[in-house]
Amino acid sequence: MLNRVVLVGRLTKDPEIRYTQSNTPIASFTIAVNRQFSNSATGERDTDFIPVVVWRKQAENVKNFVHKGSLVAVDGRIQTRNYDDQNGVRKYVTEVVADNVSFLEPKGSQDDQGTMEAQPSQETEEDDKYSNVVFSNNDLPF
């Protein structure tokens, strides 16, 4: 049995944090993830909006360091649950419970509107000489 998911996407709004009765932090947010293939009718890529939950120190880091528009990688598992709302109606939830959230942009790379600012290139001539190298499976050490 295997339940593993890895996603890369942008936050659709600022993360929300709450605490359990034992004061354990839980952050929740939604990421927008483009599908790999285009819609054949419109030629545009469809987007999935995926809810993510992260616990403990990672939850606090998410709340403190990312916001709407931030690019993140999420590594975790899919979880389903259900509950009865205030009106007694059964609600079903499917979400990703993150084991790790990686911040894929440098701090301060987005302005308040969530748009990317231009970043100066950090490539050097030394880096550039390897940009066209192609490796085969025989070259890999594993």
N, C-alpha and C. Protein backbone atom coordinates (compact mmCIF):
# COMPACT_ATOMS: atom_id res chain seq x y z
N MET A 1 0.83 -1.17 0.00
CA MET A 1 0.00 0.00 0.00
C MET A 1 0.89 1.25 0.00
N LEU A 2 0.49 2.21 -0.81
CA LEU A 2 1.26 3.44 -0.90
C LEU A 2 0.31 4.61 -1.06
N ASN A 3 0.48 5.62 -0.23
CA ASN A 3 -0.31 6.84 -0.31
C ASN A 3 0.67 8.00 -0.22
N ARG A 4 1.11 8.49 -1.37
CA ARG A 4 2.12 9.54 -1.42
C ARG A 4 1.75 10.52 -2.52
N VAL A 5 1.90 11.79 -2.25
CA VAL A 5 1.61 12.82 -3.24
C VAL A 5 2.68 13.90 -3.14
N VAL A 6 3.11 14.40 -4.32
CA VAL A 6 4.03 15.51 -4.40
C VAL A 6 3.41 16.52 -5.36
N LEU A 7 3.25 17.75 -4.92
CA LEU A 7 2.60 18.79 -5.71
C LEU A 7 3.45 20.05 -5.70
N VAL A 8 3.40 20.79 -6.79
CA VAL A 8 4.01 22.11 -6.86
C VAL A 8 2.94 23.06 -7.36
N GLY A 9 2.69 24.12 -6.60
CA GLY A 9 1.67 25.08 -6.99
C GLY A 9 1.79 26.37 -6.20
N ARG A 10 0.86 27.27 -6.48
CA ARG A 10 0.84 28.59 -5.82
C ARG A 10 -0.33 28.67 -4.86
N LEU A 11 -0.08 29.30 -3.70
CA LEU A 11 -1.15 29.49 -2.72
C LEU A 11 -2.23 30.40 -3.30
N THR A 12 -3.48 30.04 -3.08
CA THR A 12 -4.60 30.84 -3.58
C THR A 12 -4.99 31.95 -2.63
N LYS A 13 -4.58 31.83 -1.37
CA LYS A 13 -4.77 32.89 -0.38
C LYS A 13 -3.79 32.64 0.76
N ASP A 14 -3.69 33.60 1.66
CA ASP A 14 -2.78 33.45 2.80
C ASP A 14 -3.17 32.24 3.64
N PRO A 15 -2.17 31.51 4.18
CA PRO A 15 -2.48 30.36 5.04
C PRO A 15 -3.23 30.79 6.30
N GLU A 16 -4.07 29.90 6.79
CA GLU A 16 -4.77 30.12 8.05
C GLU A 16 -4.18 29.17 9.09
N ILE A 17 -3.97 29.67 10.30
CA ILE A 17 -3.43 28.81 11.35
C ILE A 17 -4.41 28.76 12.51
N ARG A 18 -4.52 27.60 13.11
CA ARG A 18 -5.33 27.43 14.31
C ARG A 18 -4.58 26.47 15.24
N TYR A 19 -5.08 26.30 16.43
CA TYR A 19 -4.39 25.47 17.41
C TYR A 19 -5.35 24.46 18.02
N THR A 20 -4.86 23.25 18.27
CA THR A 20 -5.67 22.23 18.92
C THR A 20 -5.81 22.59 20.40
N GLN A 21 -6.60 21.82 21.12
CA GLN A 21 -6.76 22.07 22.55
C GLN A 21 -5.44 21.90 23.29
N SER A 22 -4.54 21.08 22.75
CA SER A 22 -3.22 20.90 23.37
C SER A 22 -2.19 21.87 22.81
N ASN A 23 -2.67 22.93 22.11
CA ASN A 23 -1.84 24.01 21.59
C ASN A 23 -0.91 23.58 20.44
N THR A 24 -1.30 22.55 19.69
CA THR A 24 -0.53 22.13 18.52
C THR A 24 -0.98 22.95 17.31
N PRO A 25 -0.06 23.63 16.61
CA PRO A 25 -0.46 24.45 15.46
C PRO A 25 -0.81 23.60 14.24
N ILE A 26 -1.84 24.05 13.52
CA ILE A 26 -2.27 23.44 12.26
C ILE A 26 -2.49 24.58 11.27
N ALA A 27 -1.80 24.53 10.14
CA ALA A 27 -2.02 25.53 9.09
C ALA A 27 -2.75 24.86 7.94
N SER A 28 -3.65 25.60 7.33
CA SER A 28 -4.34 25.10 6.15
C SER A 28 -4.28 26.15 5.06
N PHE A 29 -4.15 25.67 3.83
CA PHE A 29 -4.10 26.54 2.68
C PHE A 29 -4.48 25.72 1.45
N THR A 30 -4.73 26.41 0.36
CA THR A 30 -5.07 25.75 -0.90
C THR A 30 -4.03 26.16 -1.93
N ILE A 31 -3.58 25.18 -2.73
CA ILE A 31 -2.66 25.51 -3.81
C ILE A 31 -3.33 25.25 -5.15
N ALA A 32 -3.00 26.09 -6.11
CA ALA A 32 -3.47 25.94 -7.48
C ALA A 32 -2.37 25.21 -8.25
N VAL A 33 -2.77 24.09 -8.87
CA VAL A 33 -1.82 23.25 -9.61
C VAL A 33 -2.35 23.08 -11.03
N ASN A 34 -1.55 23.50 -12.01
CA ASN A 34 -1.95 23.31 -13.41
C ASN A 34 -1.86 21.85 -13.80
N ARG A 35 -2.81 21.41 -14.60
CA ARG A 35 -2.74 20.05 -15.14
C ARG A 35 -1.71 20.02 -16.25
N GLN A 36 -1.15 18.85 -16.49
CA GLN A 36 -0.07 18.71 -17.46
C GLN A 36 -0.55 18.96 -18.89
N PHE A 37 -1.76 18.54 -19.21
CA PHE A 37 -2.24 18.65 -20.59
C PHE A 37 -3.28 19.74 -20.72
N SER A 38 -3.37 20.31 -21.90
CA SER A 38 -4.31 21.38 -22.20
C SER A 38 -5.70 20.80 -22.46
N ASN A 39 -6.71 21.63 -22.22
CA ASN A 39 -8.08 21.31 -22.55
C ASN A 39 -8.19 21.31 -24.07
N SER A 40 -8.64 20.20 -24.67
CA SER A 40 -8.66 20.11 -26.13
C SER A 40 -9.62 21.11 -26.77
N ALA A 41 -10.67 21.51 -26.06
CA ALA A 41 -11.64 22.45 -26.63
C ALA A 41 -11.12 23.88 -26.63
N THR A 42 -10.47 24.29 -25.56
CA THR A 42 -10.04 25.69 -25.44
C THR A 42 -8.54 25.89 -25.65
N GLY A 43 -7.76 24.81 -25.52
CA GLY A 43 -6.31 24.93 -25.63
C GLY A 43 -5.65 25.44 -24.36
N GLU A 44 -6.44 25.72 -23.33
CA GLU A 44 -5.90 26.21 -22.06
C GLU A 44 -5.72 25.05 -21.09
N ARG A 45 -4.80 25.23 -20.17
CA ARG A 45 -4.60 24.21 -19.12
C ARG A 45 -5.64 24.39 -18.03
N ASP A 46 -6.18 23.27 -17.58
CA ASP A 46 -7.08 23.32 -16.44
C ASP A 46 -6.25 23.38 -15.17
N THR A 47 -6.85 23.91 -14.12
CA THR A 47 -6.18 24.04 -12.84
C THR A 47 -6.98 23.33 -11.77
N ASP A 48 -6.29 22.61 -10.90
CA ASP A 48 -6.91 21.99 -9.74
C ASP A 48 -6.57 22.81 -8.51
N PHE A 49 -7.52 22.95 -7.62
CA PHE A 49 -7.33 23.68 -6.37
C PHE A 49 -7.36 22.65 -5.24
N ILE A 50 -6.20 22.45 -4.62
CA ILE A 50 -6.03 21.33 -3.70
C ILE A 50 -5.80 21.83 -2.28
N PRO A 51 -6.69 21.42 -1.36
CA PRO A 51 -6.51 21.82 0.05
C PRO A 51 -5.38 21.04 0.70
N VAL A 52 -4.59 21.77 1.50
CA VAL A 52 -3.42 21.19 2.19
C VAL A 52 -3.50 21.54 3.67
N VAL A 53 -3.12 20.58 4.51
CA VAL A 53 -3.04 20.79 5.95
C VAL A 53 -1.63 20.41 6.39
N VAL A 54 -1.03 21.22 7.24
CA VAL A 54 0.31 20.93 7.75
C VAL A 54 0.33 21.21 9.26
N TRP A 55 1.05 20.39 10.00
CA TRP A 55 1.04 20.44 11.46
C TRP A 55 2.36 20.94 12.04
N ARG A 56 2.30 21.32 13.29
CA ARG A 56 3.42 21.63 14.17
C ARG A 56 4.32 22.75 13.63
N LYS A 57 5.64 22.59 13.71
CA LYS A 57 6.58 23.64 13.34
C LYS A 57 6.44 24.03 11.86
N GLN A 58 6.18 23.05 10.99
CA GLN A 58 5.98 23.36 9.58
C GLN A 58 4.77 24.29 9.41
N ALA A 59 3.74 24.10 10.23
CA ALA A 59 2.56 24.98 10.17
C ALA A 59 2.94 26.41 10.49
N GLU A 60 3.74 26.60 11.53
CA GLU A 60 4.16 27.95 11.89
C GLU A 60 5.04 28.56 10.81
N ASN A 61 5.93 27.76 10.22
CA ASN A 61 6.79 28.26 9.14
C ASN A 61 5.96 28.69 7.94
N VAL A 62 4.97 27.89 7.58
CA VAL A 62 4.10 28.24 6.45
C VAL A 62 3.40 29.57 6.73
N LYS A 63 2.86 29.71 7.92
CA LYS A 63 2.15 30.95 8.27
C LYS A 63 3.08 32.16 8.23
N ASN A 64 4.32 31.97 8.66
CA ASN A 64 5.25 33.09 8.76
C ASN A 64 5.96 33.45 7.46
N PHE A 65 6.11 32.51 6.53
CA PHE A 65 6.99 32.76 5.40
C PHE A 65 6.36 32.69 4.01
N VAL A 66 5.12 32.26 3.89
CA VAL A 66 4.48 32.25 2.57
C VAL A 66 3.14 32.97 2.64
N HIS A 67 2.68 33.41 1.47
CA HIS A 67 1.41 34.12 1.40
C HIS A 67 0.79 33.86 0.04
N LYS A 68 -0.35 34.45 -0.20
CA LYS A 68 -1.05 34.29 -1.46
C LYS A 68 -0.08 34.51 -2.63
N GLY A 69 -0.06 33.55 -3.56
CA GLY A 69 0.81 33.64 -4.73
C GLY A 69 2.15 32.96 -4.59
N SER A 70 2.55 32.60 -3.37
CA SER A 70 3.85 31.95 -3.16
C SER A 70 3.87 30.57 -3.82
N LEU A 71 5.02 30.24 -4.41
CA LEU A 71 5.22 28.94 -5.03
C LEU A 71 5.79 27.98 -4.00
N VAL A 72 5.12 26.84 -3.81
CA VAL A 72 5.56 25.85 -2.83
C VAL A 72 5.51 24.45 -3.43
N ALA A 73 6.31 23.57 -2.85
CA ALA A 73 6.24 22.14 -3.14
C ALA A 73 5.72 21.47 -1.88
N VAL A 74 4.76 20.58 -2.05
CA VAL A 74 4.15 19.88 -0.93
C VAL A 74 4.40 18.39 -1.11
N ASP A 75 4.90 17.75 -0.06
CA ASP A 75 5.13 16.31 -0.05
C ASP A 75 4.32 15.75 1.11
N GLY A 76 3.41 14.82 0.81
CA GLY A 76 2.57 14.30 1.87
C GLY A 76 1.72 13.14 1.42
N ARG A 77 0.53 13.04 2.03
CA ARG A 77 -0.39 11.95 1.72
C ARG A 77 -1.81 12.49 1.58
N ILE A 78 -2.63 11.78 0.84
CA ILE A 78 -4.03 12.17 0.70
C ILE A 78 -4.82 11.55 1.85
N GLN A 79 -5.69 12.36 2.43
CA GLN A 79 -6.53 11.89 3.54
C GLN A 79 -7.97 12.27 3.25
N THR A 80 -8.89 11.37 3.55
CA THR A 80 -10.31 11.67 3.46
C THR A 80 -10.90 11.56 4.85
N ARG A 81 -11.89 12.39 5.12
CA ARG A 81 -12.58 12.37 6.40
C ARG A 81 -13.98 12.92 6.19
N ASN A 82 -14.82 12.72 7.19
CA ASN A 82 -16.16 13.31 7.14
C ASN A 82 -16.57 13.76 8.53
N TYR A 83 -17.54 14.67 8.55
CA TYR A 83 -18.05 15.19 9.81
C TYR A 83 -19.47 15.71 9.56
N ASP A 84 -20.19 15.94 10.63
CA ASP A 84 -21.52 16.54 10.55
C ASP A 84 -21.40 18.02 10.87
N ASP A 85 -21.93 18.89 9.99
CA ASP A 85 -21.85 20.33 10.23
C ASP A 85 -22.87 20.75 11.29
N GLN A 86 -22.98 22.04 11.54
CA GLN A 86 -23.86 22.57 12.58
C GLN A 86 -25.32 22.23 12.34
N ASN A 87 -25.68 22.00 11.07
CA ASN A 87 -27.06 21.67 10.73
C ASN A 87 -27.29 20.17 10.64
N GLY A 88 -26.29 19.38 11.01
CA GLY A 88 -26.44 17.93 10.98
C GLY A 88 -26.23 17.32 9.60
N VAL A 89 -25.72 18.10 8.66
CA VAL A 89 -25.48 17.61 7.30
C VAL A 89 -24.08 17.00 7.23
N ARG A 90 -23.99 15.79 6.69
CA ARG A 90 -22.70 15.10 6.58
C ARG A 90 -21.85 15.78 5.51
N LYS A 91 -20.63 16.16 5.86
CA LYS A 91 -19.67 16.80 4.95
C LYS A 91 -18.49 15.85 4.74
N TYR A 92 -18.00 15.79 3.50
CA TYR A 92 -16.86 14.96 3.15
C TYR A 92 -15.71 15.85 2.71
N VAL A 93 -14.51 15.52 3.18
CA VAL A 93 -13.33 16.33 2.89
C VAL A 93 -12.22 15.41 2.38
N THR A 94 -11.58 15.83 1.29
CA THR A 94 -10.36 15.19 0.80
C THR A 94 -9.29 16.26 0.79
N GLU A 95 -8.16 15.97 1.40
CA GLU A 95 -7.09 16.97 1.52
C GLU A 95 -5.74 16.28 1.54
N VAL A 96 -4.70 17.07 1.32
CA VAL A 96 -3.33 16.57 1.43
C VAL A 96 -2.83 16.93 2.82
N VAL A 97 -2.35 15.94 3.55
CA VAL A 97 -1.69 16.18 4.83
C VAL A 97 -0.20 16.20 4.54
N ALA A 98 0.40 17.36 4.65
CA ALA A 98 1.79 17.56 4.25
C ALA A 98 2.76 17.10 5.33
N ASP A 99 3.75 16.34 4.90
CA ASP A 99 4.88 16.01 5.77
C ASP A 99 5.95 17.07 5.63
N ASN A 100 6.02 17.68 4.44
CA ASN A 100 7.03 18.69 4.19
C ASN A 100 6.49 19.72 3.19
N VAL A 101 6.73 20.99 3.48
CA VAL A 101 6.39 22.07 2.55
C VAL A 101 7.67 22.83 2.27
N SER A 102 8.07 22.86 1.00
CA SER A 102 9.28 23.56 0.60
C SER A 102 8.91 24.87 -0.07
N PHE A 103 9.59 25.93 0.33
CA PHE A 103 9.35 27.26 -0.25
C PHE A 103 10.26 27.38 -1.47
N LEU A 104 9.68 27.57 -2.64
CA LEU A 104 10.44 27.51 -3.88
C LEU A 104 10.89 28.86 -4.41
N GLU A 105 10.64 29.92 -3.67
CA GLU A 105 11.07 31.24 -4.08
C GLU A 105 11.83 31.89 -2.94
N PRO A 106 12.80 32.72 -3.27
CA PRO A 106 13.51 33.41 -2.21
C PRO A 106 12.59 34.36 -1.45
N LYS A 107 12.87 34.53 -0.18
CA LYS A 107 12.08 35.45 0.63
C LYS A 107 12.09 36.84 0.00
N GLY A 108 10.92 37.45 -0.10
CA GLY A 108 10.82 38.79 -0.65
C GLY A 108 10.77 38.83 -2.16
N SER A 109 10.58 37.67 -2.82
CA SER A 109 10.56 37.68 -4.28
C SER A 109 9.21 38.05 -4.83
N GLN A 110 8.21 38.27 -3.96
CA GLN A 110 6.89 38.69 -4.41
C GLN A 110 6.51 39.98 -3.72
N ASP A 111 5.82 40.84 -4.45
CA ASP A 111 5.35 42.07 -3.82
C ASP A 111 4.00 41.81 -3.17
N ASP A 112 3.36 42.82 -2.62
CA ASP A 112 2.12 42.64 -1.88
C ASP A 112 0.96 42.14 -2.74
N GLN A 113 1.02 42.30 -4.06
CA GLN A 113 -0.05 41.82 -4.93
C GLN A 113 0.16 40.37 -5.33
N GLY A 114 1.24 39.74 -4.88
CA GLY A 114 1.49 38.35 -5.21
C GLY A 114 2.10 38.15 -6.58
N THR A 115 2.65 39.20 -7.19
CA THR A 115 3.28 39.06 -8.49
C THR A 115 4.78 38.97 -8.32
N MET A 116 5.41 38.31 -9.24
CA MET A 116 6.85 38.10 -9.16
C MET A 116 7.61 39.37 -9.54
N GLU A 117 8.64 39.66 -8.78
CA GLU A 117 9.56 40.73 -9.15
C GLU A 117 10.71 40.11 -9.93
N ALA A 118 11.31 40.86 -10.80
CA ALA A 118 12.46 40.35 -11.54
C ALA A 118 13.62 40.13 -10.59
N GLN A 119 14.27 38.98 -10.72
CA GLN A 119 15.42 38.65 -9.88
C GLN A 119 16.65 38.61 -10.78
N PRO A 120 17.75 39.20 -10.35
CA PRO A 120 18.96 39.12 -11.16
C PRO A 120 19.44 37.68 -11.28
N SER A 121 19.99 37.34 -12.42
CA SER A 121 20.48 35.98 -12.64
C SER A 121 21.70 35.74 -11.78
N GLN A 122 21.76 34.56 -11.17
CA GLN A 122 22.91 34.19 -10.35
C GLN A 122 23.83 33.23 -11.08
N GLU A 123 23.53 32.94 -12.38
CA GLU A 123 24.36 32.02 -13.14
C GLU A 123 25.72 32.63 -13.40
N THR A 124 26.72 31.78 -13.37
CA THR A 124 28.07 32.20 -13.72
C THR A 124 28.48 31.48 -14.99
N GLU A 125 29.62 31.85 -15.55
CA GLU A 125 30.12 31.16 -16.73
C GLU A 125 30.34 29.69 -16.42
N GLU A 126 30.80 29.40 -15.22
CA GLU A 126 31.05 28.01 -14.81
C GLU A 126 29.75 27.21 -14.85
N ASP A 127 28.63 27.77 -14.35
CA ASP A 127 27.34 27.10 -14.38
C ASP A 127 26.87 26.91 -15.81
N ASP A 128 27.06 27.92 -16.64
CA ASP A 128 26.54 27.92 -18.00
C ASP A 128 27.17 26.83 -18.87
N LYS A 129 28.44 26.48 -18.61
CA LYS A 129 29.09 25.49 -19.47
C LYS A 129 28.48 24.10 -19.31
N TYR A 130 27.70 23.86 -18.25
CA TYR A 130 27.06 22.56 -18.05
C TYR A 130 25.58 22.56 -18.43
N SER A 131 25.06 23.68 -18.93
CA SER A 131 23.63 23.78 -19.18
C SER A 131 23.14 22.89 -20.31
N ASN A 132 24.00 22.50 -21.25
CA ASN A 132 23.58 21.66 -22.37
C ASN A 132 24.03 20.22 -22.24
N VAL A 133 24.56 19.81 -21.09
CA VAL A 133 25.04 18.45 -20.89
C VAL A 133 23.84 17.53 -20.73
N VAL A 134 23.85 16.40 -21.42
CA VAL A 134 22.79 15.42 -21.32
C VAL A 134 23.36 14.16 -20.68
N PHE A 135 22.70 13.64 -19.68
CA PHE A 135 23.13 12.45 -18.99
C PHE A 135 22.28 11.26 -19.42
N SER A 136 22.86 10.10 -19.54
CA SER A 136 22.11 8.87 -19.79
C SER A 136 21.99 8.12 -18.47
N ASN A 137 21.15 7.10 -18.44
CA ASN A 137 20.98 6.30 -17.22
C ASN A 137 22.29 5.63 -16.81
N ASN A 138 23.18 5.35 -17.78
CA ASN A 138 24.47 4.73 -17.46
C ASN A 138 25.38 5.67 -16.71
N ASP A 139 25.15 6.99 -16.81
CA ASP A 139 25.99 7.96 -16.12
C ASP A 139 25.61 8.14 -14.66
N LEU A 140 24.40 7.70 -14.29
CA LEU A 140 23.92 7.93 -12.93
C LEU A 140 24.51 6.90 -11.98
N PRO A 141 24.85 7.32 -10.76
CA PRO A 141 25.49 6.42 -9.80
C PRO A 141 24.51 5.49 -9.08
N PHE A 142 23.25 5.51 -9.41
CA PHE A 142 22.27 4.65 -8.71
C PHE A 142 21.39 3.94 -9.70
